[in-house]
Protein backbone atom coordinates (compact mmCIF):
# COMPACT_ATOMS: atom_id res chain seq x y z
CA MET A 1 70.71 121.54 161.53
CA ALA A 2 72.98 124.27 161.52
CA ALA A 3 76.73 123.29 159.92
CA PRO A 4 79.21 123.38 162.94
CA ALA A 5 82.05 125.84 162.75
CA ARG A 6 85.04 124.39 160.62
CA SER A 7 87.35 122.86 163.55
CA PRO A 8 89.99 124.89 164.92
CA LEU A 9 91.84 121.43 163.57
CA ALA A 10 91.18 121.57 160.21
CA ARG A 11 93.72 121.12 157.31
CA PRO A 12 93.14 122.28 153.73
CA LEU A 13 92.82 119.66 150.77
CA PRO A 14 96.36 118.73 149.39
CA GLU A 15 96.43 119.55 145.71
CA LEU A 16 94.47 115.91 144.10
CA GLY A 17 95.59 115.20 140.88
CA THR A 18 93.86 111.80 138.78
CA VAL A 19 94.20 108.31 139.08
CA GLU A 20 94.28 106.68 135.89
CA GLY A 21 91.23 104.57 135.59
CA VAL A 22 89.00 106.19 137.42
CA ARG A 23 86.38 108.68 137.03
CA LEU A 24 84.16 110.34 139.68
CA GLY A 25 81.95 112.69 140.67
CA SER A 26 78.53 114.48 142.82
CA ALA A 27 75.36 115.25 142.90
CA GLU A 28 72.55 116.87 145.15
CA ALA A 29 70.26 114.24 145.48
CA GLY A 30 67.76 115.63 147.95
CA ILE A 31 67.70 112.55 150.17
CA ARG A 32 68.10 114.39 153.32
CA TYR A 33 69.99 117.64 153.08
CA SER A 34 69.10 120.82 151.15
CA GLY A 35 71.49 122.85 148.82
CA ARG A 36 74.25 120.72 149.25
CA THR A 37 75.61 117.41 147.42
CA ASP A 38 74.79 114.34 149.12
CA LEU A 39 75.62 111.67 146.56
CA MET A 40 78.97 110.55 145.33
CA MET A 41 79.66 108.18 142.41
CA ALA A 42 82.73 106.54 141.02
CA GLU A 43 83.68 104.73 137.82
CA PHE A 44 86.53 102.17 137.79
CA VAL A 45 88.16 100.51 134.49
CA PRO A 46 87.41 96.93 133.95
CA GLY A 47 90.02 94.60 135.77
CA THR A 48 89.69 97.03 138.63
CA THR A 49 90.72 94.50 141.89
CA VAL A 50 89.37 95.54 145.21
CA ALA A 51 90.04 95.11 149.36
CA GLY A 52 87.67 96.20 151.79
CA VAL A 53 87.99 96.45 155.61
CA PHE A 54 84.20 96.91 157.46
CA THR A 55 82.70 97.37 160.55
CA ARG A 56 82.55 94.93 163.13
CA SER A 57 79.59 96.11 164.66
CA LYS A 58 76.49 93.20 165.32
CA CYS A 59 74.32 96.06 163.82
CA PRO A 60 75.76 96.75 160.21
CA GLY A 61 73.67 98.22 157.74
CA ALA A 62 72.95 96.61 154.42
CA PRO A 63 75.21 98.46 152.80
CA VAL A 64 78.17 96.79 155.16
CA ASP A 65 76.29 93.54 154.26
CA TRP A 66 76.17 94.24 150.44
CA CYS A 67 79.51 94.79 150.34
CA LYS A 68 81.05 91.96 152.39
CA ALA A 69 78.60 89.96 150.33
CA ALA A 70 80.50 91.57 146.66
CA LEU A 71 84.12 91.66 148.18
CA PRO A 72 84.72 88.20 147.63
CA HIS A 73 84.63 88.89 143.71
CA GLY A 74 87.75 90.36 143.60
CA VAL A 75 86.72 93.32 141.19
CA ALA A 76 84.92 96.54 141.23
CA ARG A 77 83.44 98.45 138.28
CA ALA A 78 81.96 101.49 140.47
CA LEU A 79 80.83 102.83 144.01
CA VAL A 80 77.84 104.89 144.99
CA VAL A 81 77.89 106.64 148.46
CA ASN A 82 75.02 108.57 149.91
CA THR A 83 75.11 110.81 153.09
CA GLY A 84 72.25 111.55 155.19
CA ASN A 85 70.70 108.47 155.39
CA ALA A 86 73.21 105.16 156.82
CA ASN A 87 70.40 103.04 155.74
CA VAL A 88 70.72 100.54 158.73
CA PHE A 89 68.03 99.19 160.73
CA THR A 90 65.33 99.29 158.18
CA GLY A 91 64.73 95.15 157.53
CA ARG A 92 64.29 94.35 154.27
CA ALA A 93 63.39 97.87 152.95
CA GLY A 94 67.20 98.48 153.84
CA VAL A 95 68.20 95.53 151.19
CA ASP A 96 65.98 96.83 148.41
CA ALA A 97 67.82 99.82 148.60
CA ALA A 98 71.28 98.52 148.15
CA GLN A 99 70.18 96.39 145.93
CA ALA A 100 68.24 99.32 143.96
CA THR A 101 71.18 101.53 144.31
CA ALA A 102 73.53 98.71 143.18
CA ALA A 103 71.52 97.86 140.04
CA ALA A 104 70.96 101.54 138.57
CA ALA A 105 74.61 101.93 138.52
CA ALA A 106 75.37 98.59 137.15
CA ARG A 107 72.78 99.55 134.16
CA LEU A 108 74.94 102.59 133.81
CA VAL A 109 78.46 101.34 133.85
CA GLN A 110 77.34 97.96 131.66
CA CYS A 111 78.16 95.54 134.78
CA SER A 112 77.08 93.04 137.10
CA ALA A 113 75.52 94.56 140.71
CA SER A 114 77.93 92.49 142.05
CA ASP A 115 80.66 94.89 141.00
CA VAL A 116 78.85 97.73 141.96
CA PHE A 117 79.71 98.74 146.00
CA VAL A 118 78.05 100.82 148.11
CA ALA A 119 78.09 102.88 151.25
CA SER A 120 75.46 105.05 153.16
CA THR A 121 76.14 107.12 156.68
CA GLY A 122 73.65 109.12 158.13
CA VAL A 123 70.64 108.81 160.25
CA ILE A 124 70.29 105.39 161.67
CA GLY A 125 66.76 104.08 161.34
CA GLU A 126 65.05 105.84 158.78
CA ILE A 127 63.87 104.43 155.36
CA LEU A 128 66.25 105.26 152.57
CA PRO A 129 64.46 107.23 149.58
CA TYR A 130 66.59 105.36 146.87
CA ASP A 131 64.34 106.60 144.43
CA ARG A 132 66.28 109.65 144.67
CA ILE A 133 69.91 108.07 144.18
CA THR A 134 68.36 105.98 141.38
CA LYS A 135 66.79 109.04 139.64
CA ALA A 136 70.06 111.37 140.21
CA LEU A 137 72.30 109.02 138.92
CA PRO A 138 72.23 109.07 135.46
CA ASP A 139 72.70 112.56 135.07
CA LEU A 140 75.46 112.45 137.55
CA TYR A 141 77.03 109.22 135.52
CA THR A 142 77.34 111.86 132.17
CA ARG A 143 79.46 114.14 134.50
CA LEU A 144 81.84 111.94 136.11
CA SER A 145 85.33 113.21 135.45
CA PRO A 146 89.15 111.77 136.49
CA LEU A 147 89.26 115.73 137.95
CA SER A 148 86.15 115.36 140.53
CA TRP A 149 87.91 114.20 143.67
CA ALA A 150 87.31 117.68 145.94
CA ASP A 151 83.70 116.98 144.79
CA ALA A 152 83.64 113.96 145.67
CA ALA A 153 85.38 114.31 149.07
CA GLN A 154 83.15 117.22 150.06
CA ALA A 155 80.14 114.95 149.12
CA ILE A 156 80.54 112.34 151.49
CA VAL A 157 80.40 114.49 154.42
CA THR A 158 77.98 114.82 157.28
CA THR A 159 78.75 116.25 160.52
CA ASP A 160 82.51 117.15 159.03
CA THR A 161 83.75 120.24 159.20
CA PHE A 162 86.15 119.96 156.21
CA PRO A 163 86.52 117.73 153.80
CA LYS A 164 89.46 114.99 153.97
CA ALA A 165 91.97 113.65 151.14
CA ALA A 166 95.81 112.35 150.82
CA VAL A 167 97.95 111.88 147.98
CA ARG A 168 101.36 109.44 147.64
CA GLU A 169 103.82 109.22 144.87
CA ILE A 170 106.09 106.42 144.80
CA THR A 171 107.51 103.75 142.14
CA ILE A 172 107.05 99.93 142.25
CA GLY A 173 110.23 99.19 140.13
CA ASP A 174 110.40 102.07 137.79
CA THR A 175 107.02 102.38 137.48
CA PRO A 176 105.36 105.51 138.77
CA ILE A 177 102.83 104.92 141.07
CA ARG A 178 99.76 107.08 142.75
CA ILE A 179 97.58 106.46 145.66
CA GLN A 180 94.53 109.14 146.57
CA GLY A 181 92.10 108.75 148.74
CA ILE A 182 89.09 110.38 150.37
CA ALA A 183 87.34 110.01 154.08
CA LYS A 184 84.63 111.13 156.43
CA GLY A 185 84.44 110.97 160.01
CA SER A 186 83.52 113.25 162.83
CA GLY A 187 81.53 111.40 165.27
CA MET A 188 80.74 107.87 166.50
CA ILE A 189 84.31 106.91 165.93
CA ALA A 190 85.79 104.07 167.74
CA PRO A 191 86.73 102.27 164.47
CA ASP A 192 87.55 98.74 165.75
CA MET A 193 88.35 98.49 162.11
CA ALA A 194 88.30 101.44 160.32
CA THR A 195 86.66 105.26 159.99
CA MET A 196 82.98 105.90 159.15
CA LEU A 197 84.13 105.86 155.16
CA SER A 198 87.50 106.41 153.50
CA PHE A 199 87.95 104.95 150.17
CA ILE A 200 91.54 104.89 148.41
CA ALA A 201 92.16 104.42 144.69
CA THR A 202 95.84 103.30 143.27
CA ASP A 203 96.63 102.60 139.62
CA ALA A 204 98.99 100.04 140.55
CA ALA A 205 98.38 96.51 139.47
CA LEU A 206 97.89 94.43 142.06
CA PRO A 207 95.97 91.06 142.84
CA GLN A 208 93.01 91.26 145.30
CA SER A 209 94.80 89.32 147.67
CA VAL A 210 97.96 91.18 147.85
CA LEU A 211 95.41 94.29 148.25
CA GLN A 212 93.44 92.83 150.72
CA GLN A 213 96.31 92.27 152.97
CA ILE A 214 98.02 95.38 152.38
CA LEU A 215 94.77 97.59 153.32
CA SER A 216 94.05 95.49 156.02
CA GLU A 217 97.39 95.77 157.73
CA ALA A 218 97.06 99.69 157.34
CA VAL A 219 94.16 100.28 158.58
CA ASP A 220 95.40 98.20 162.04
CA ARG A 221 98.20 100.52 161.89
CA SER A 222 95.86 103.81 161.42
CA PHE A 223 92.26 103.55 161.67
CA ASN A 224 92.01 101.43 164.45
CA ARG A 225 94.28 103.32 166.36
CA ILE A 226 91.89 106.57 166.72
CA THR A 227 88.81 107.18 168.96
CA VAL A 228 86.37 110.49 168.88
CA ASP A 229 84.24 108.94 171.63
CA SER A 230 84.32 104.82 172.01
CA ASP A 231 81.23 104.78 170.18
CA THR A 232 81.69 102.39 166.71
CA SER A 233 79.29 103.13 163.09
CA THR A 234 77.48 100.64 162.09
CA SER A 235 78.48 102.09 158.66
CA ASP A 236 82.38 101.70 158.88
CA MET A 237 84.05 100.75 155.95
CA VAL A 238 87.32 101.04 154.01
CA LEU A 239 87.87 100.56 150.27
CA ALA A 240 90.87 100.26 148.36
CA PHE A 241 90.38 99.83 144.43
CA ALA A 242 93.40 98.91 142.13
CA THR A 243 93.04 100.10 138.43
CA GLY A 244 96.02 98.88 137.20
CA ARG A 245 96.97 101.17 134.58
CA ALA A 246 100.29 102.07 135.54
CA GLY A 247 101.18 98.93 134.14
CA ASN A 248 103.64 97.56 136.71
CA ALA A 249 105.25 94.13 136.61
CA ALA A 250 103.18 91.50 138.15
CA ILE A 251 103.69 91.06 141.77
CA GLU A 252 101.71 87.74 143.80
CA ASP A 253 103.24 88.42 146.75
CA ALA A 254 102.11 91.79 149.97
CA ALA A 255 105.80 90.90 151.34
CA ASP A 256 107.59 90.98 147.54
CA PRO A 257 110.30 93.69 148.39
CA ARG A 258 109.43 95.81 145.06
CA LEU A 259 106.21 96.56 146.90
CA ALA A 260 107.96 98.16 150.22
CA ASP A 261 107.55 101.49 149.09
CA PHE A 262 104.30 101.27 148.11
CA VAL A 263 102.88 99.73 151.08
CA ALA A 264 104.95 102.76 152.87
CA ALA A 265 102.81 104.65 151.15
CA ILE A 266 99.79 103.07 151.79
CA ARG A 267 100.21 103.09 155.64
CA ASP A 268 100.94 106.57 155.77
CA ALA A 269 98.32 107.85 153.83
CA LEU A 270 95.78 106.14 155.83
CA GLN A 271 97.44 107.50 158.60
CA GLU A 272 96.99 110.95 157.27
CA LEU A 273 93.34 110.33 156.82
CA ALA A 274 92.88 108.89 159.77
CA LEU A 275 94.15 111.60 161.94
CA LEU A 276 92.38 114.11 159.63
CA VAL A 277 89.13 112.32 161.06
CA ILE A 278 90.42 113.07 164.94
CA ARG A 279 91.36 116.71 163.61
CA ASP A 280 87.27 117.14 162.98
CA GLY A 281 86.25 115.20 165.89
CA GLU A 282 83.10 116.48 166.60
CA GLY A 283 83.62 119.77 169.25
CA ALA A 284 87.67 118.96 169.25
CA THR A 285 89.67 121.84 169.66
CA LYS A 286 92.93 119.21 170.93
CA LEU A 287 94.69 116.29 169.34
CA ILE A 288 95.94 113.67 171.57
CA HIS A 289 98.74 111.56 170.84
CA ILE A 290 98.53 108.68 173.55
CA THR A 291 102.09 106.67 173.67
CA VAL A 292 102.14 103.50 175.75
CA THR A 293 105.38 101.53 176.61
CA GLY A 294 106.45 98.54 179.02
CA ALA A 295 103.24 96.56 178.34
CA VAL A 296 103.33 92.69 178.64
CA SER A 297 102.08 93.09 174.91
CA ASP A 298 101.51 95.19 171.86
CA ALA A 299 97.88 94.18 172.06
CA SER A 300 97.79 94.96 175.82
CA ALA A 301 99.74 98.43 174.97
CA HIS A 302 96.92 99.00 172.72
CA LYS A 303 94.07 98.24 174.89
CA VAL A 304 95.37 100.87 177.45
CA ALA A 305 96.07 103.56 174.63
CA MET A 306 92.52 103.44 173.56
CA ALA A 307 91.35 103.66 177.28
CA ILE A 308 93.43 106.55 178.07
CA GLY A 309 92.01 108.24 174.67
CA ASN A 310 88.36 107.27 175.72
CA SER A 311 88.29 108.64 178.81
CA PRO A 312 85.57 111.45 179.52
CA LEU A 313 87.92 112.69 182.40
CA VAL A 314 91.24 113.16 180.58
CA LYS A 315 89.22 114.27 177.57
CA THR A 316 87.71 116.98 179.40
CA ALA A 317 90.65 117.72 181.73
CA ILE A 318 92.69 118.14 178.47
CA ALA A 319 89.53 120.49 177.00
CA GLY A 320 90.28 122.92 180.52
CA GLY A 321 94.23 123.03 179.75
CA ASP A 322 94.18 120.99 183.37
CA ALA A 323 97.21 118.91 183.34
CA ASN A 324 95.78 116.62 185.51
CA TRP A 325 98.15 113.96 184.94
CA GLY A 326 95.86 111.58 187.66
CA ARG A 327 93.09 111.07 185.56
CA VAL A 328 95.55 109.24 183.03
CA VAL A 329 96.49 106.73 186.00
CA MET A 330 92.69 106.00 186.58
CA ALA A 331 92.79 105.23 182.77
CA VAL A 332 95.31 102.61 182.85
CA GLY A 333 94.07 100.94 185.75
CA LYS A 334 90.87 100.54 184.69
CA CYS A 335 91.29 99.16 181.94
CA GLY A 336 91.46 95.79 182.66
CA GLU A 337 94.83 94.79 181.43
CA PRO A 338 97.73 93.93 183.36
CA ALA A 339 99.14 97.35 185.41
CA ASN A 340 101.06 97.75 188.36
CA ARG A 341 100.61 101.23 190.44
CA ASP A 342 104.58 100.68 191.61
CA THR A 343 106.02 100.36 188.01
CA LEU A 344 103.63 103.11 186.37
CA SER A 345 105.45 106.25 185.20
CA ILE A 346 103.44 109.18 183.35
CA ALA A 347 104.50 111.66 181.29
CA ILE A 348 102.77 114.93 179.59
CA GLY A 349 104.95 116.84 176.90
CA GLY A 350 107.70 114.78 177.50
CA VAL A 351 107.90 116.17 181.18
CA TRP A 352 108.16 113.01 183.66
CA ILE A 353 105.67 113.60 186.37
CA ALA A 354 105.48 110.48 187.80
CA ARG A 355 108.12 107.26 188.41
CA HIS A 356 107.40 104.05 189.42
CA GLY A 357 104.37 104.79 191.56
CA MET A 358 105.78 108.05 193.05
CA VAL A 359 105.51 111.62 191.69
CA VAL A 360 108.87 112.81 190.61
CA GLN A 361 110.70 114.50 193.39
CA GLY A 362 110.97 118.39 192.67
CA TYR A 363 108.39 118.20 189.61
CA ASP A 364 107.62 121.59 188.54
CA GLU A 365 104.04 121.44 186.58
CA THR A 366 104.80 124.93 184.47
CA PRO A 367 105.92 123.72 181.34
CA VAL A 368 103.34 121.06 181.34
CA VAL A 369 100.66 123.56 181.75
CA GLU A 370 102.29 125.54 178.67
CA HIS A 371 101.93 121.99 176.93
CA MET A 372 98.63 121.75 177.52
CA LYS A 373 97.62 125.23 175.89
CA GLY A 374 99.05 123.72 172.59
CA GLU A 375 96.98 122.13 169.25
CA VAL A 376 98.61 118.52 170.05
CA ILE A 377 98.89 117.01 173.43
CA ASP A 378 101.60 114.06 174.09
CA ILE A 379 100.64 111.24 176.95
CA GLN A 380 103.02 108.85 177.61
CA ALA A 381 102.38 105.89 180.13
CA ASP A 382 105.28 103.45 180.75
CA LEU A 383 103.84 100.27 182.63
CA GLY A 384 106.85 99.09 183.21
CA LEU A 385 106.03 95.30 182.68
CA GLY A 386 107.47 94.51 179.23
CA ASN A 387 108.31 95.19 175.69
CA GLY A 388 104.68 96.13 174.62
CA HIS A 389 104.09 99.16 172.73
CA ALA A 390 101.26 100.87 170.79
CA GLU A 391 100.02 104.41 169.82
CA ALA A 392 96.50 106.03 169.48
CA TRP A 393 95.13 109.10 169.00
CA SER A 394 91.87 110.93 170.61
CA CYS A 395 90.69 114.67 170.69
CA ASP A 396 89.26 116.65 174.01
CA LEU A 397 85.53 116.46 174.73
CA THR A 398 84.03 119.87 174.93
CA HIS A 399 80.46 121.23 175.38
CA GLY A 400 80.58 121.30 171.23
CA TYR A 401 79.98 117.81 171.07
CA ILE A 402 76.99 117.83 173.30
CA ASP A 403 75.43 120.86 170.78
CA ILE A 404 76.44 118.58 167.42
CA ASN A 405 74.55 115.64 168.75
CA GLY A 406 72.34 117.00 170.63
CA SER A 407 70.50 118.62 167.36
CA TYR A 408 71.92 115.95 164.88
CA ARG A 409 68.14 114.76 163.55
CA SER A 410 67.00 118.54 163.82
């Protein structure tokens, strides 16, 4: 399959530094692709805590099961990620591949296999040739470096047209803290937990329980608010690693005021990564920002916002620059959440088109049409029923999505 053209919404990688206690690297293992890296490994210093959020798919891949089983131990020494093969729906062979990969990395790092986390992304239903991974790991391990974040970001992509990363620097008390993360995702994105794959590391010292609470809440505010195509991957996971090398004072409660800046930075970094995924939505040319207010609850508002973001009719109208606000009304009405035609109001680009069930008198479509030509499209729906509020992000639906997915296995 030929590589798709770089997304017009792409963003360059930020300047990536190091996270003390993390070494990583990439290699060409020939799992599916030729002439490109498809294997990434990271090593973490002893004592690194780990948190994770995983797909809610009822047909998860073997790596998801492996990581969910390893997570209660609360510590991590290594991460191995392959692309090109999702290791999903492969029965016992999938379990064997995950176990063999973890065992091979554990021998190199000199740790228990349960301290190794594995992730796979790519085609479903094909046996993962894990011998190619285990054969490549020893040489890759000798080349791990604290500086190889950009290489790692590139190694985990599949149909992505650009690598994705985010960096934040804050303090806990007087101690400088660094947060750095990478993500991959372009299609099969309606996470219901996370994006396809994302890995975040920090040098903060945090117990696993605190890290888990912070990560779960941040994922809910970021990766759980995006959709490309309404399809939830079998392989989704977000993992966060805290090496403790910054040496900040011990904190045992996620609500501790000393963690306020850290919590905000994690949320902000994950939000940036989530929006980069939408900017790389397969065939995308426009980013859609959806705000729903006046719902009966925040949860209801979220469902309405995702219904708008998932509507093929809304997405194709935006792709064509058509200010067809009636499709937004349709999406609100179909999603099964409380709504009332006579209290519903719709705005695009900050211009209120309909108020309380009727078109605004004297409505001029000109500024809305102009807004539709832009890179970011803002849609607002006020249900007029309560105080529920939510935001979501999506992208348009173009023929490029068909081109990419129609030839994905070629």
